[in-house]
Amino acid sequence: MALINCPECNTQVSDTAFKCTQCGFQLRKPKRGIFGKLFKWLFILFNILMAIWVFSAFFSVGEVIDTANNGAEQAGAAIGGTLAMGMLLSIWVIGDIILGLMVLFTKAKG
């Protein structure tokens, strides 16, 4: 363990310290562990995937409603599309809460 000088107050601190013990200046940024990185990327990829699914479901329901032959088919497509969109958005919110908490709990401490 070597001692370095703090760039802010010139106090000697350990080279493994994250902050200066005298003035609190941040010497180096703490890094996430492997699980922190994994959950962070899962969170990002999950949101991208859900956005793609929601937009594709929205446009496919619009196509079904446009190609329906009568009012009953249009109503059925609209009701089904609304239920599907509600389920997708519910899965998105629940997944974001769970993955977001995992990202928060695996955050680097320093």
C-alpha atoms as a PDB file:
ATOM      1  CA  MET A   1       0.000   0.000   0.000  1.00  0.00           C
ATOM      2  CA  ALA A   2       1.547   3.223  -1.164  1.00  0.00           C
ATOM      3  CA  LEU A   3       0.694   6.750  -0.115  1.00  0.00           C
ATOM      4  CA  ILE A   4      -0.293   9.403  -2.631  1.00  0.00           C
ATOM      5  CA  ASN A   5      -1.036  13.096  -2.254  1.00  0.00           C
ATOM      6  CA  CYS A   6      -4.615  14.304  -2.582  1.00  0.00           C
ATOM      7  CA  PRO A   7      -4.852  16.691  -5.557  1.00  0.00           C
ATOM      8  CA  GLU A   8      -7.251  18.939  -3.625  1.00  0.00           C
ATOM      9  CA  CYS A   9      -5.695  19.347  -0.154  1.00  0.00           C
ATOM     10  CA  ASN A  10      -2.275  17.673  -0.593  1.00  0.00           C
ATOM     11  CA  THR A  11      -2.854  15.264   2.335  1.00  0.00           C
ATOM     12  CA  GLN A  12      -1.259  11.833   2.056  1.00  0.00           C
ATOM     13  CA  VAL A  13      -3.814   9.053   1.593  1.00  0.00           C
ATOM     14  CA  SER A  14      -3.680   5.397   0.576  1.00  0.00           C
ATOM     15  CA  ASP A  15      -3.582   4.645  -3.146  1.00  0.00           C
ATOM     16  CA  THR A  16      -6.477   2.216  -2.614  1.00  0.00           C
ATOM     17  CA  ALA A  17      -8.770   4.866  -1.073  1.00  0.00           C
ATOM     18  CA  PHE A  18     -11.770   6.097  -3.028  1.00  0.00           C
ATOM     19  CA  LYS A  19     -11.961   9.461  -1.239  1.00  0.00           C
ATOM     20  CA  CYS A  20      -9.568  11.676   0.646  1.00  0.00           C
ATOM     21  CA  THR A  21      -9.970  11.246   4.392  1.00  0.00           C
ATOM     22  CA  GLN A  22      -9.298  14.946   5.005  1.00  0.00           C
ATOM     23  CA  CYS A  23     -11.373  16.824   2.414  1.00  0.00           C
ATOM     24  CA  GLY A  24     -13.564  14.097   0.857  1.00  0.00           C
ATOM     25  CA  PHE A  25     -12.244  14.621  -2.676  1.00  0.00           C
ATOM     26  CA  GLN A  26     -12.996  11.608  -4.877  1.00  0.00           C
ATOM     27  CA  LEU A  27      -9.673  10.059  -5.877  1.00  0.00           C
ATOM     28  CA  ARG A  28     -11.012   7.209  -8.011  1.00  0.00           C
ATOM     29  CA  LYS A  29     -14.389   5.933  -9.041  1.00  0.00           C
ATOM     30  CA  PRO A  30     -15.619   2.640  -7.607  1.00  0.00           C
ATOM     31  CA  LYS A  31     -16.338  -0.038 -10.221  1.00  0.00           C
ATOM     32  CA  ARG A  32     -19.223  -2.485 -10.438  1.00  0.00           C
ATOM     33  CA  GLY A  33     -18.615  -6.159  -9.886  1.00  0.00           C
ATOM     34  CA  ILE A  34     -19.471  -8.838 -12.447  1.00  0.00           C
ATOM     35  CA  PHE A  35     -23.048  -9.203 -11.186  1.00  0.00           C
ATOM     36  CA  GLY A  36     -23.492  -5.432 -11.212  1.00  0.00           C
ATOM     37  CA  LYS A  37     -22.433  -5.273 -14.848  1.00  0.00           C
ATOM     38  CA  LEU A  38     -24.610  -8.277 -15.721  1.00  0.00           C
ATOM     39  CA  PHE A  39     -27.754  -6.776 -14.153  1.00  0.00           C
ATOM     40  CA  LYS A  40     -27.062  -3.373 -15.701  1.00  0.00           C
ATOM     41  CA  TRP A  41     -26.848  -4.851 -19.203  1.00  0.00           C
ATOM     42  CA  LEU A  42     -29.871  -7.093 -18.592  1.00  0.00           C
ATOM     43  CA  PHE A  43     -31.829  -3.998 -17.581  1.00  0.00           C
ATOM     44  CA  ILE A  44     -30.807  -2.143 -20.747  1.00  0.00           C
ATOM     45  CA  LEU A  45     -31.487  -5.088 -23.066  1.00  0.00           C
ATOM     46  CA  PHE A  46     -34.833  -5.822 -21.383  1.00  0.00           C
ATOM     47  CA  ASN A  47     -35.983  -2.241 -21.996  1.00  0.00           C
ATOM     48  CA  ILE A  48     -34.898  -2.337 -25.641  1.00  0.00           C
ATOM     49  CA  LEU A  49     -36.674  -5.659 -26.185  1.00  0.00           C
ATOM     50  CA  MET A  50     -39.868  -4.462 -24.508  1.00  0.00           C
ATOM     51  CA  ALA A  51     -39.891  -1.244 -26.551  1.00  0.00           C
ATOM     52  CA  ILE A  52     -39.591  -3.277 -29.752  1.00  0.00           C
ATOM     53  CA  TRP A  53     -42.405  -5.607 -28.650  1.00  0.00           C
ATOM     54  CA  VAL A  54     -44.734  -2.754 -27.689  1.00  0.00           C
ATOM     55  CA  PHE A  55     -44.224  -0.901 -30.974  1.00  0.00           C
ATOM     56  CA  SER A  56     -44.589  -4.049 -33.079  1.00  0.00           C
ATOM     57  CA  ALA A  57     -47.752  -5.047 -31.205  1.00  0.00           C
ATOM     58  CA  PHE A  58     -49.163  -1.554 -31.660  1.00  0.00           C
ATOM     59  CA  PHE A  59     -48.594  -1.589 -35.419  1.00  0.00           C
ATOM     60  CA  SER A  60     -49.787  -5.164 -35.913  1.00  0.00           C
ATOM     61  CA  VAL A  61     -53.068  -4.420 -34.101  1.00  0.00           C
ATOM     62  CA  GLY A  62     -53.527  -1.406 -36.364  1.00  0.00           C
ATOM     63  CA  GLU A  63     -53.077  -3.603 -39.434  1.00  0.00           C
ATOM     64  CA  VAL A  64     -55.592  -6.155 -38.153  1.00  0.00           C
ATOM     65  CA  ILE A  65     -58.168  -3.454 -37.465  1.00  0.00           C
ATOM     66  CA  ASP A  66     -57.647  -1.974 -40.952  1.00  0.00           C
ATOM     67  CA  THR A  67     -58.094  -5.342 -42.704  1.00  0.00           C
ATOM     68  CA  ALA A  68     -61.143  -6.427 -40.668  1.00  0.00           C
ATOM     69  CA  ASN A  69     -64.266  -7.090 -42.744  1.00  0.00           C
ATOM     70  CA  ASN A  70     -66.947  -5.820 -40.380  1.00  0.00           C
ATOM     71  CA  GLY A  71     -67.483  -3.906 -37.161  1.00  0.00           C
ATOM     72  CA  ALA A  72     -67.455  -7.004 -34.954  1.00  0.00           C
ATOM     73  CA  GLU A  73     -64.016  -8.029 -36.185  1.00  0.00           C
ATOM     74  CA  GLN A  74     -62.726  -4.502 -35.678  1.00  0.00           C
ATOM     75  CA  ALA A  75     -64.126  -4.397 -32.144  1.00  0.00           C
ATOM     76  CA  GLY A  76     -62.617  -7.794 -31.337  1.00  0.00           C
ATOM     77  CA  ALA A  77     -59.243  -6.721 -32.686  1.00  0.00           C
ATOM     78  CA  ALA A  78     -59.386  -3.480 -30.703  1.00  0.00           C
ATOM     79  CA  ILE A  79     -60.310  -5.286 -27.466  1.00  0.00           C
ATOM     80  CA  GLY A  80     -57.664  -7.954 -27.995  1.00  0.00           C
ATOM     81  CA  GLY A  81     -55.054  -5.350 -28.850  1.00  0.00           C
ATOM     82  CA  THR A  82     -55.895  -3.359 -25.741  1.00  0.00           C
ATOM     83  CA  LEU A  83     -55.582  -6.449 -23.530  1.00  0.00           C
ATOM     84  CA  ALA A  84     -52.306  -7.445 -25.174  1.00  0.00           C
ATOM     85  CA  MET A  85     -50.893  -3.935 -24.787  1.00  0.00           C
ATOM     86  CA  GLY A  86     -51.936  -3.902 -21.129  1.00  0.00           C
ATOM     87  CA  MET A  87     -50.193  -7.234 -20.528  1.00  0.00           C
ATOM     88  CA  LEU A  88     -47.015  -6.077 -22.290  1.00  0.00           C
ATOM     89  CA  LEU A  89     -46.907  -2.840 -20.331  1.00  0.00           C
ATOM     90  CA  SER A  90     -47.528  -4.720 -17.066  1.00  0.00           C
ATOM     91  CA  ILE A  91     -44.669  -7.118 -17.814  1.00  0.00           C
ATOM     92  CA  TRP A  92     -42.484  -4.153 -18.712  1.00  0.00           C
ATOM     93  CA  VAL A  93     -43.193  -2.320 -15.444  1.00  0.00           C
ATOM     94  CA  ILE A  94     -42.772  -5.423 -13.259  1.00  0.00           C
ATOM     95  CA  GLY A  95     -39.562  -6.406 -15.073  1.00  0.00           C
ATOM     96  CA  ASP A  96     -38.174  -2.879 -14.736  1.00  0.00           C
ATOM     97  CA  ILE A  97     -38.904  -2.831 -11.011  1.00  0.00           C
ATOM     98  CA  ILE A  98     -37.217  -6.189 -10.432  1.00  0.00           C
ATOM     99  CA  LEU A  99     -34.189  -5.542 -12.654  1.00  0.00           C
ATOM    100  CA  GLY A 100     -33.908  -1.946 -11.447  1.00  0.00           C
ATOM    101  CA  LEU A 101     -33.719  -3.115  -7.847  1.00  0.00           C
ATOM    102  CA  MET A 102     -31.075  -5.665  -8.784  1.00  0.00           C
ATOM    103  CA  VAL A 103     -29.050  -2.935 -10.525  1.00  0.00           C
ATOM    104  CA  LEU A 104     -29.430  -0.714  -7.464  1.00  0.00           C
ATOM    105  CA  PHE A 105     -28.400  -3.433  -5.015  1.00  0.00           C
ATOM    106  CA  THR A 106     -25.310  -4.387  -7.056  1.00  0.00           C
ATOM    107  CA  LYS A 107     -24.156  -0.769  -7.425  1.00  0.00           C
ATOM    108  CA  ALA A 108     -20.504  -0.101  -6.689  1.00  0.00           C
ATOM    109  CA  LYS A 109     -19.868   1.235  -3.224  1.00  0.00           C
ATOM    110  CA  GLY A 110     -17.151   3.658  -2.463  1.00  0.00           C
END
